[in-house]
């Protein structure tokens, strides 16, 4: 089993092996070998399982749904009329 790498260990290893100073004094990192080390570090951790989406809530009962236009006016009229006459709608 290979040794477990820590994030700090990965950074130190990349800095020691793949960092360089160019002729103008600029500092750089050779990306391809550094990426390989980062990939190796990432492979230590298993990927989490994909979560299933929770079931969506069902539609509310028809009496709770909002309606618009003529049907809304009709429903309001019928509801108000039934209340004034003490009739259950």
PDB file of N, CA and C in Angstrom:
ATOM      1  N   UNK A   1       0.852  -1.174   0.000  1.00  0.00           N
ATOM      2  CA  UNK A   1       0.000   0.000   0.000  1.00  0.00           C
ATOM      3  C   UNK A   1       0.898   1.238   0.000  1.00  0.00           C
ATOM      4  N   UNK A   2       0.674   2.177  -0.933  1.00  0.00           N
ATOM      5  CA  UNK A   2       1.516   3.375  -0.986  1.00  0.00           C
ATOM      6  C   UNK A   2       1.265   4.276   0.224  1.00  0.00           C
ATOM      7  N   UNK A   3       2.244   5.086   0.568  1.00  0.00           N
ATOM      8  CA  UNK A   3       2.050   5.969   1.724  1.00  0.00           C
ATOM      9  C   UNK A   3       0.934   6.989   1.455  1.00  0.00           C
ATOM     10  N   UNK A   4       0.252   7.362   2.517  1.00  0.00           N
ATOM     11  CA  UNK A   4      -0.832   8.331   2.394  1.00  0.00           C
ATOM     12  C   UNK A   4      -0.227   9.728   2.290  1.00  0.00           C
ATOM     13  N   UNK A   5      -0.638  10.455   1.265  1.00  0.00           N
ATOM     14  CA  UNK A   5      -0.139  11.806   1.054  1.00  0.00           C
ATOM     15  C   UNK A   5      -1.076  12.815   1.711  1.00  0.00           C
ATOM     16  N   UNK A   6      -0.502  13.807   2.342  1.00  0.00           N
ATOM     17  CA  UNK A   6      -1.305  14.911   2.864  1.00  0.00           C
ATOM     18  C   UNK A   6      -1.213  16.059   1.874  1.00  0.00           C
ATOM     19  N   UNK A   7      -2.105  17.011   1.981  1.00  0.00           N
ATOM     20  CA  UNK A   7      -2.076  18.172   1.087  1.00  0.00           C
ATOM     21  C   UNK A   7      -0.758  18.928   1.238  1.00  0.00           C
ATOM     22  N   UNK A   8      -0.295  19.060   2.459  1.00  0.00           N
ATOM     23  CA  UNK A   8       0.971  19.763   2.705  1.00  0.00           C
ATOM     24  C   UNK A   8       2.132  19.008   2.041  1.00  0.00           C
ATOM     25  N   UNK A   9       2.108  17.697   2.139  1.00  0.00           N
ATOM     26  CA  UNK A   9       3.156  16.892   1.528  1.00  0.00           C
ATOM     27  C   UNK A   9       3.166  17.077   0.019  1.00  0.00           C
ATOM     28  N   UNK A  10       1.988  17.123  -0.586  1.00  0.00           N
ATOM     29  CA  UNK A  10       1.880  17.305  -2.031  1.00  0.00           C
ATOM     30  C   UNK A  10       2.460  18.652  -2.445  1.00  0.00           C
ATOM     31  N   UNK A  11       2.123  19.698  -1.720  1.00  0.00           N
ATOM     32  CA  UNK A  11       2.621  21.035  -2.051  1.00  0.00           C
ATOM     33  C   UNK A  11       4.141  21.086  -1.922  1.00  0.00           C
ATOM     34  N   UNK A  12       4.666  20.533  -0.848  1.00  0.00           N
ATOM     35  CA  UNK A  12       6.128  20.535  -0.660  1.00  0.00           C
ATOM     36  C   UNK A  12       6.825  19.745  -1.774  1.00  0.00           C
ATOM     37  N   UNK A  13       6.234  18.611  -2.144  1.00  0.00           N
ATOM     38  CA  UNK A  13       6.838  17.772  -3.175  1.00  0.00           C
ATOM     39  C   UNK A  13       6.850  18.492  -4.528  1.00  0.00           C
ATOM     40  N   UNK A  14       5.751  19.145  -4.864  1.00  0.00           N
ATOM     41  CA  UNK A  14       5.692  19.892  -6.122  1.00  0.00           C
ATOM     42  C   UNK A  14       6.694  21.037  -6.102  1.00  0.00           C
ATOM     43  N   UNK A  15       6.767  21.763  -4.993  1.00  0.00           N
ATOM     44  CA  UNK A  15       7.695  22.893  -4.900  1.00  0.00           C
ATOM     45  C   UNK A  15       9.143  22.424  -5.020  1.00  0.00           C
ATOM     46  N   UNK A  16       9.447  21.300  -4.410  1.00  0.00           N
ATOM     47  CA  UNK A  16      10.831  20.814  -4.431  1.00  0.00           C
ATOM     48  C   UNK A  16      11.227  20.271  -5.804  1.00  0.00           C
ATOM     49  N   UNK A  17      10.313  19.574  -6.465  1.00  0.00           N
ATOM     50  CA  UNK A  17      10.679  18.899  -7.707  1.00  0.00           C
ATOM     51  C   UNK A  17      10.404  19.718  -8.967  1.00  0.00           C
ATOM     52  N   UNK A  18       9.338  20.501  -8.986  1.00  0.00           N
ATOM     53  CA  UNK A  18       8.880  21.067 -10.248  1.00  0.00           C
ATOM     54  C   UNK A  18       8.843  22.587 -10.295  1.00  0.00           C
ATOM     55  N   UNK A  19       9.287  23.257  -9.242  1.00  0.00           N
ATOM     56  CA  UNK A  19       9.363  24.720  -9.275  1.00  0.00           C
ATOM     57  C   UNK A  19      10.701  25.118  -9.883  1.00  0.00           C
ATOM     58  N   UNK A  20      10.710  26.249 -10.571  1.00  0.00           N
ATOM     59  CA  UNK A  20      11.955  26.722 -11.173  1.00  0.00           C
ATOM     60  C   UNK A  20      11.963  28.251 -11.207  1.00  0.00           C
ATOM     61  N   UNK A  21      13.142  28.806 -11.369  1.00  0.00           N
ATOM     62  CA  UNK A  21      13.323  30.244 -11.531  1.00  0.00           C
ATOM     63  C   UNK A  21      13.891  30.465 -12.929  1.00  0.00           C
ATOM     64  N   UNK A  22      13.226  31.310 -13.720  1.00  0.00           N
ATOM     65  CA  UNK A  22      13.722  31.547 -15.086  1.00  0.00           C
ATOM     66  C   UNK A  22      14.819  32.620 -15.085  1.00  0.00           C
ATOM     67  N   UNK A  23      15.353  32.916 -16.290  1.00  0.00           N
ATOM     68  CA  UNK A  23      16.491  33.832 -16.399  1.00  0.00           C
ATOM     69  C   UNK A  23      16.156  35.273 -16.003  1.00  0.00           C
ATOM     70  N   UNK A  24      14.875  35.647 -15.948  1.00  0.00           N
ATOM     71  CA  UNK A  24      14.508  37.009 -15.529  1.00  0.00           C
ATOM     72  C   UNK A  24      14.120  37.063 -14.054  1.00  0.00           C
ATOM     73  N   UNK A  25      14.213  35.958 -13.367  1.00  0.00           N
ATOM     74  CA  UNK A  25      13.882  35.933 -11.934  1.00  0.00           C
ATOM     75  C   UNK A  25      12.443  35.525 -11.638  1.00  0.00           C
ATOM     76  N   UNK A  26      11.690  35.169 -12.683  1.00  0.00           N
ATOM     77  CA  UNK A  26      10.308  34.720 -12.471  1.00  0.00           C
ATOM     78  C   UNK A  26      10.265  33.286 -11.972  1.00  0.00           C
ATOM     79  N   UNK A  27       9.280  33.001 -11.163  1.00  0.00           N
ATOM     80  CA  UNK A  27       9.127  31.659 -10.587  1.00  0.00           C
ATOM     81  C   UNK A  27       7.979  30.953 -11.298  1.00  0.00           C
ATOM     82  N   UNK A  28       8.173  29.683 -11.581  1.00  0.00           N
ATOM     83  CA  UNK A  28       7.131  28.913 -12.242  1.00  0.00           C
ATOM     84  C   UNK A  28       7.097  27.490 -11.746  1.00  0.00           C
ATOM     85  N   UNK A  29       6.093  26.769 -12.199  1.00  0.00           N
ATOM     86  CA  UNK A  29       5.939  25.346 -11.855  1.00  0.00           C
ATOM     87  C   UNK A  29       5.659  24.598 -13.149  1.00  0.00           C
ATOM     88  N   UNK A  30       6.331  23.488 -13.328  1.00  0.00           N
ATOM     89  CA  UNK A  30       6.047  22.634 -14.489  1.00  0.00           C
ATOM     90  C   UNK A  30       4.717  21.937 -14.225  1.00  0.00           C
ATOM     91  N   UNK A  31       3.720  22.271 -15.032  1.00  0.00           N
ATOM     92  CA  UNK A  31       2.345  21.874 -14.711  1.00  0.00           C
ATOM     93  C   UNK A  31       2.038  20.403 -14.926  1.00  0.00           C
ATOM     94  N   UNK A  32       2.503  19.802 -15.987  1.00  0.00           N
ATOM     95  CA  UNK A  32       2.120  18.410 -16.257  1.00  0.00           C
ATOM     96  C   UNK A  32       2.574  17.446 -15.163  1.00  0.00           C
ATOM     97  N   UNK A  33       3.852  17.499 -14.729  1.00  0.00           N
ATOM     98  CA  UNK A  33       4.231  16.599 -13.636  1.00  0.00           C
ATOM     99  C   UNK A  33       3.546  16.961 -12.315  1.00  0.00           C
ATOM    100  N   UNK A  34       3.314  18.244 -12.093  1.00  0.00           N
ATOM    101  CA  UNK A  34       2.626  18.650 -10.863  1.00  0.00           C
ATOM    102  C   UNK A  34       1.187  18.134 -10.864  1.00  0.00           C
ATOM    103  N   UNK A  35       0.539  18.175 -12.017  1.00  0.00           N
ATOM    104  CA  UNK A  35      -0.834  17.674 -12.120  1.00  0.00           C
ATOM    105  C   UNK A  35      -0.896  16.181 -11.835  1.00  0.00           C
ATOM    106  N   UNK A  36       0.137  15.453 -12.251  1.00  0.00           N
ATOM    107  CA  UNK A  36       0.176  14.014 -11.983  1.00  0.00           C
ATOM    108  C   UNK A  36       0.219  13.747 -10.481  1.00  0.00           C
ATOM    109  N   UNK A  37       0.983  14.543  -9.756  1.00  0.00           N
ATOM    110  CA  UNK A  37       1.049  14.367  -8.299  1.00  0.00           C
ATOM    111  C   UNK A  37      -0.298  14.693  -7.667  1.00  0.00           C
ATOM    112  N   UNK A  38      -0.923  15.752  -8.138  1.00  0.00           N
ATOM    113  CA  UNK A  38      -2.235  16.125  -7.593  1.00  0.00           C
ATOM    114  C   UNK A  38      -3.257  15.030  -7.882  1.00  0.00           C
ATOM    115  N   UNK A  39      -3.224  14.457  -9.079  1.00  0.00           N
ATOM    116  CA  UNK A  39      -4.125  13.352  -9.408  1.00  0.00           C
ATOM    117  C   UNK A  39      -3.900  12.166  -8.474  1.00  0.00           C
ATOM    118  N   UNK A  40      -2.618  11.867  -8.222  1.00  0.00           N
ATOM    119  CA  UNK A  40      -2.281  10.754  -7.332  1.00  0.00           C
ATOM    120  C   UNK A  40      -2.837  11.023  -5.930  1.00  0.00           C
ATOM    121  N   UNK A  41      -2.730  12.267  -5.495  1.00  0.00           N
ATOM    122  CA  UNK A  41      -3.283  12.654  -4.186  1.00  0.00           C
ATOM    123  C   UNK A  41      -4.798  12.469  -4.175  1.00  0.00           C
ATOM    124  N   UNK A  42      -5.465  12.878  -5.249  1.00  0.00           N
ATOM    125  CA  UNK A  42      -6.923  12.777  -5.309  1.00  0.00           C
ATOM    126  C   UNK A  42      -7.425  11.352  -5.360  1.00  0.00           C
ATOM    127  N   UNK A  43      -6.629  10.429  -5.893  1.00  0.00           N
ATOM    128  CA  UNK A  43      -7.053   9.032  -5.995  1.00  0.00           C
ATOM    129  C   UNK A  43      -7.129   8.338  -4.641  1.00  0.00           C
ATOM    130  N   UNK A  44      -6.560   8.942  -3.618  1.00  0.00           N
ATOM    131  CA  UNK A  44      -6.627   8.344  -2.275  1.00  0.00           C
ATOM    132  C   UNK A  44      -8.036   8.371  -1.710  1.00  0.00           C
ATOM    133  N   UNK A  45      -8.858   9.282  -2.207  1.00  0.00           N
ATOM    134  CA  UNK A  45     -10.184   9.488  -1.639  1.00  0.00           C
ATOM    135  C   UNK A  45     -11.235   8.923  -2.578  1.00  0.00           C
ATOM    136  N   UNK A  46     -12.026   7.976  -2.104  1.00  0.00           N
ATOM    137  CA  UNK A  46     -13.063   7.421  -2.977  1.00  0.00           C
ATOM    138  C   UNK A  46     -14.108   8.486  -3.292  1.00  0.00           C
ATOM    139  N   UNK A  47     -14.632   8.418  -4.490  1.00  0.00           N
ATOM    140  CA  UNK A  47     -15.655   9.382  -4.878  1.00  0.00           C
ATOM    141  C   UNK A  47     -16.942   9.058  -4.147  1.00  0.00           C
ATOM    142  N   UNK A  48     -17.656  10.093  -3.700  1.00  0.00           N
ATOM    143  CA  UNK A  48     -18.932   9.818  -3.031  1.00  0.00           C
ATOM    144  C   UNK A  48     -19.942   9.273  -4.023  1.00  0.00           C
ATOM    145  N   UNK A  49     -20.824   8.437  -3.523  1.00  0.00           N
ATOM    146  CA  UNK A  49     -21.872   7.884  -4.373  1.00  0.00           C
ATOM    147  C   UNK A  49     -22.769   9.010  -4.861  1.00  0.00           C
ATOM    148  N   UNK A  50     -23.330   8.805  -6.025  1.00  0.00           N
ATOM    149  CA  UNK A  50     -24.274   9.796  -6.524  1.00  0.00           C
ATOM    150  C   UNK A  50     -25.552   9.676  -5.720  1.00  0.00           C
ATOM    151  N   UNK A  51     -26.042  10.815  -5.286  1.00  0.00           N
ATOM    152  CA  UNK A  51     -27.274  10.809  -4.507  1.00  0.00           C
ATOM    153  C   UNK A  51     -28.474  10.780  -5.434  1.00  0.00           C
ATOM    154  N   UNK A  52     -29.461  10.049  -5.026  1.00  0.00           N
ATOM    155  CA  UNK A  52     -30.705  10.048  -5.780  1.00  0.00           C
ATOM    156  C   UNK A  52     -31.485  11.283  -5.380  1.00  0.00           C
ATOM    157  N   UNK A  53     -32.222  11.807  -6.337  1.00  0.00           N
ATOM    158  CA  UNK A  53     -33.043  12.962  -6.032  1.00  0.00           C
ATOM    159  C   UNK A  53     -34.217  12.526  -5.180  1.00  0.00           C
ATOM    160  N   UNK A  54     -34.546  13.366  -4.225  1.00  0.00           N
ATOM    161  CA  UNK A  54     -35.689  13.083  -3.373  1.00  0.00           C
ATOM    162  C   UNK A  54     -36.956  13.163  -4.218  1.00  0.00           C
ATOM    163  N   UNK A  55     -37.934  12.343  -3.914  1.00  0.00           N
ATOM    164  CA  UNK A  55     -39.169  12.415  -4.695  1.00  0.00           C
ATOM    165  C   UNK A  55     -39.821  13.786  -4.535  1.00  0.00           C
ATOM    166  N   UNK A  56     -40.346  14.268  -5.640  1.00  0.00           N
ATOM    167  CA  UNK A  56     -40.991  15.577  -5.590  1.00  0.00           C
ATOM    168  C   UNK A  56     -42.322  15.477  -4.875  1.00  0.00           C
ATOM    169  N   UNK A  57     -42.687  16.577  -4.252  1.00  0.00           N
ATOM    170  CA  UNK A  57     -43.966  16.608  -3.552  1.00  0.00           C
ATOM    171  C   UNK A  57     -45.100  16.492  -4.561  1.00  0.00           C
ATOM    172  N   UNK A  58     -46.143  15.792  -4.179  1.00  0.00           N
ATOM    173  CA  UNK A  58     -47.274  15.633  -5.085  1.00  0.00           C
ATOM    174  C   UNK A  58     -48.038  16.952  -5.184  1.00  0.00           C
ATOM    175  N   UNK A  59     -48.893  17.037  -6.169  1.00  0.00           N
ATOM    176  CA  UNK A  59     -49.681  18.253  -6.364  1.00  0.00           C
ATOM    177  C   UNK A  59     -50.651  18.412  -5.199  1.00  0.00           C
ATOM    178  N   UNK A  60     -50.925  19.658  -4.810  1.00  0.00           N
ATOM    179  CA  UNK A  60     -51.898  19.862  -3.737  1.00  0.00           C
ATOM    180  C   UNK A  60     -53.298  19.475  -4.215  1.00  0.00           C
ATOM    181  N   UNK A  61     -54.205  19.197  -3.296  1.00  0.00           N
ATOM    182  CA  UNK A  61     -55.570  18.858  -3.700  1.00  0.00           C
ATOM    183  C   UNK A  61     -56.170  19.986  -4.537  1.00  0.00           C
ATOM    184  N   UNK A  62     -57.138  19.635  -5.352  1.00  0.00           N
ATOM    185  CA  UNK A  62     -57.718  20.625  -6.258  1.00  0.00           C
ATOM    186  C   UNK A  62     -58.260  21.835  -5.518  1.00  0.00           C
ATOM    187  N   UNK A  63     -58.779  21.668  -4.326  1.00  0.00           N
ATOM    188  CA  UNK A  63     -59.337  22.795  -3.583  1.00  0.00           C
ATOM    189  C   UNK A  63     -58.261  23.802  -3.192  1.00  0.00           C
ATOM    190  N   UNK A  64     -56.992  23.357  -3.076  1.00  0.00           N
ATOM    191  CA  UNK A  64     -55.911  24.259  -2.688  1.00  0.00           C
ATOM    192  C   UNK A  64     -55.211  24.893  -3.880  1.00  0.00           C
ATOM    193  N   UNK A  65     -55.456  24.391  -5.078  1.00  0.00           N
ATOM    194  CA  UNK A  65     -54.780  24.928  -6.252  1.00  0.00           C
ATOM    195  C   UNK A  65     -55.311  26.304  -6.584  1.00  0.00           C
ATOM    196  N   UNK A  66     -54.438  27.101  -7.094  1.00  0.00           N
ATOM    197  CA  UNK A  66     -54.843  28.437  -7.524  1.00  0.00           C
ATOM    198  C   UNK A  66     -55.299  28.354  -8.970  1.00  0.00           C
ATOM    199  N   UNK A  67     -56.357  29.083  -9.291  1.00  0.00           N
ATOM    200  CA  UNK A  67     -56.813  29.124 -10.655  1.00  0.00           C
ATOM    201  C   UNK A  67     -56.937  30.582 -11.092  1.00  0.00           C
ATOM    202  N   UNK A  68     -57.087  30.798 -12.370  1.00  0.00           N
ATOM    203  CA  UNK A  68     -57.131  32.169 -12.848  1.00  0.00           C
ATOM    204  C   UNK A  68     -58.248  32.334 -13.863  1.00  0.00           C
ATOM    205  N   UNK A  69     -58.550  33.573 -14.168  1.00  0.00           N
ATOM    206  CA  UNK A  69     -59.531  33.874 -15.201  1.00  0.00           C
ATOM    207  C   UNK A  69     -60.946  33.578 -14.768  1.00  0.00           C
ATOM    208  N   UNK A  70     -61.748  33.141 -15.734  1.00  0.00           N
ATOM    209  CA  UNK A  70     -63.177  32.878 -15.499  1.00  0.00           C
ATOM    210  C   UNK A  70     -63.393  31.818 -14.430  1.00  0.00           C
ATOM    211  N   UNK A  71     -62.535  30.786 -14.425  1.00  0.00           N
ATOM    212  CA  UNK A  71     -62.735  29.715 -13.451  1.00  0.00           C
ATOM    213  C   UNK A  71     -62.514  30.230 -12.029  1.00  0.00           C
ATOM    214  N   UNK A  72     -61.600  31.176 -11.857  1.00  0.00           N
ATOM    215  CA  UNK A  72     -61.357  31.751 -10.529  1.00  0.00           C
ATOM    216  C   UNK A  72     -62.553  32.564 -10.084  1.00  0.00           C
ATOM    217  N   UNK A  73     -63.094  33.355 -11.005  1.00  0.00           N
ATOM    218  CA  UNK A  73     -64.267  34.164 -10.669  1.00  0.00           C
ATOM    219  C   UNK A  73     -65.449  33.264 -10.317  1.00  0.00           C
ATOM    220  N   UNK A  74     -65.625  32.197 -11.099  1.00  0.00           N
ATOM    221  CA  UNK A  74     -66.730  31.275 -10.860  1.00  0.00           C
ATOM    222  C   UNK A  74     -66.568  30.574  -9.506  1.00  0.00           C
ATOM    223  N   UNK A  75     -65.332  30.125  -9.211  1.00  0.00           N
ATOM    224  CA  UNK A  75     -65.087  29.443  -7.941  1.00  0.00           C
ATOM    225  C   UNK A  75     -65.327  30.382  -6.770  1.00  0.00           C
ATOM    226  N   UNK A  76     -64.912  31.629  -6.896  1.00  0.00           N
ATOM    227  CA  UNK A  76     -65.116  32.607  -5.834  1.00  0.00           C
ATOM    228  C   UNK A  76     -66.602  32.887  -5.654  1.00  0.00           C
ATOM    229  N   UNK A  77     -67.291  33.054  -6.764  1.00  0.00           N
ATOM    230  CA  UNK A  77     -68.724  33.327  -6.708  1.00  0.00           C
ATOM    231  C   UNK A  77     -69.471  32.184  -6.035  1.00  0.00           C
ATOM    232  N   UNK A  78     -69.164  30.952  -6.461  1.00  0.00           N
ATOM    233  CA  UNK A  78     -69.838  29.795  -5.888  1.00  0.00           C
ATOM    234  C   UNK A  78     -69.511  29.643  -4.412  1.00  0.00           C
ATOM    235  N   UNK A  79     -68.267  29.879  -4.051  1.00  0.00           N
ATOM    236  CA  UNK A  79     -67.840  29.750  -2.668  1.00  0.00           C
ATOM    237  C   UNK A  79     -68.522  30.795  -1.792  1.00  0.00           C
ATOM    238  N   UNK A  80     -68.551  32.047  -2.245  1.00  0.00           N
ATOM    239  CA  UNK A  80     -69.188  33.106  -1.468  1.00  0.00           C
ATOM    240  C   UNK A  80     -70.690  32.885  -1.364  1.00  0.00           C
ATOM    241  N   UNK A  81     -71.289  32.438  -2.464  1.00  0.00           N
ATOM    242  CA  UNK A  81     -72.732  32.190  -2.453  1.00  0.00           C
ATOM    243  C   UNK A  81     -73.093  31.064  -1.494  1.00  0.00           C
ATOM    244  N   UNK A  82     -72.294  30.018  -1.464  1.00  0.00           N
ATOM    245  CA  UNK A  82     -72.566  28.887  -0.579  1.00  0.00           C
ATOM    246  C   UNK A  82     -72.415  29.282   0.878  1.00  0.00           C
ATOM    247  N   UNK A  83     -71.436  30.143   1.177  1.00  0.00           N
ATOM    248  CA  UNK A  83     -71.255  30.580   2.567  1.00  0.00           C
ATOM    249  C   UNK A  83     -72.408  31.444   3.037  1.00  0.00           C
ATOM    250  N   UNK A  84     -72.885  32.308   2.148  1.00  0.00           N
ATOM    251  CA  UNK A  84     -73.963  33.200   2.568  1.00  0.00           C
ATOM    252  C   UNK A  84     -75.257  32.431   2.813  1.00  0.00           C
ATOM    253  N   UNK A  85     -75.431  31.289   2.148  1.00  0.00           N
ATOM    254  CA  UNK A  85     -76.648  30.489   2.315  1.00  0.00           C
ATOM    255  C   UNK A  85     -76.456  29.348   3.319  1.00  0.00           C
ATOM    256  N   UNK A  86     -75.260  29.298   3.947  1.00  0.00           N
ATOM    257  CA  UNK A  86     -74.904  28.229   4.882  1.00  0.00           C
ATOM    258  C   UNK A  86     -75.018  26.852   4.240  1.00  0.00           C
ATOM    259  N   UNK A  87     -74.552  26.762   2.995  1.00  0.00           N
ATOM    260  CA  UNK A  87     -74.541  25.494   2.257  1.00  0.00           C
ATOM    261  C   UNK A  87     -73.092  25.074   2.101  1.00  0.00           C
ATOM    262  N   UNK A  88     -72.863  23.787   2.301  1.00  0.00           N
ATOM    263  CA  UNK A  88     -71.499  23.290   2.103  1.00  0.00           C
ATOM    264  C   UNK A  88     -71.240  23.116   0.614  1.00  0.00           C
ATOM    265  N   UNK A  89     -70.116  23.662   0.152  1.00  0.00           N
ATOM    266  CA  UNK A  89     -69.792  23.557  -1.275  1.00  0.00           C
ATOM    267  C   UNK A  89     -69.006  22.323  -1.565  1.00  0.00           C
TER     268      UNK A  89
END
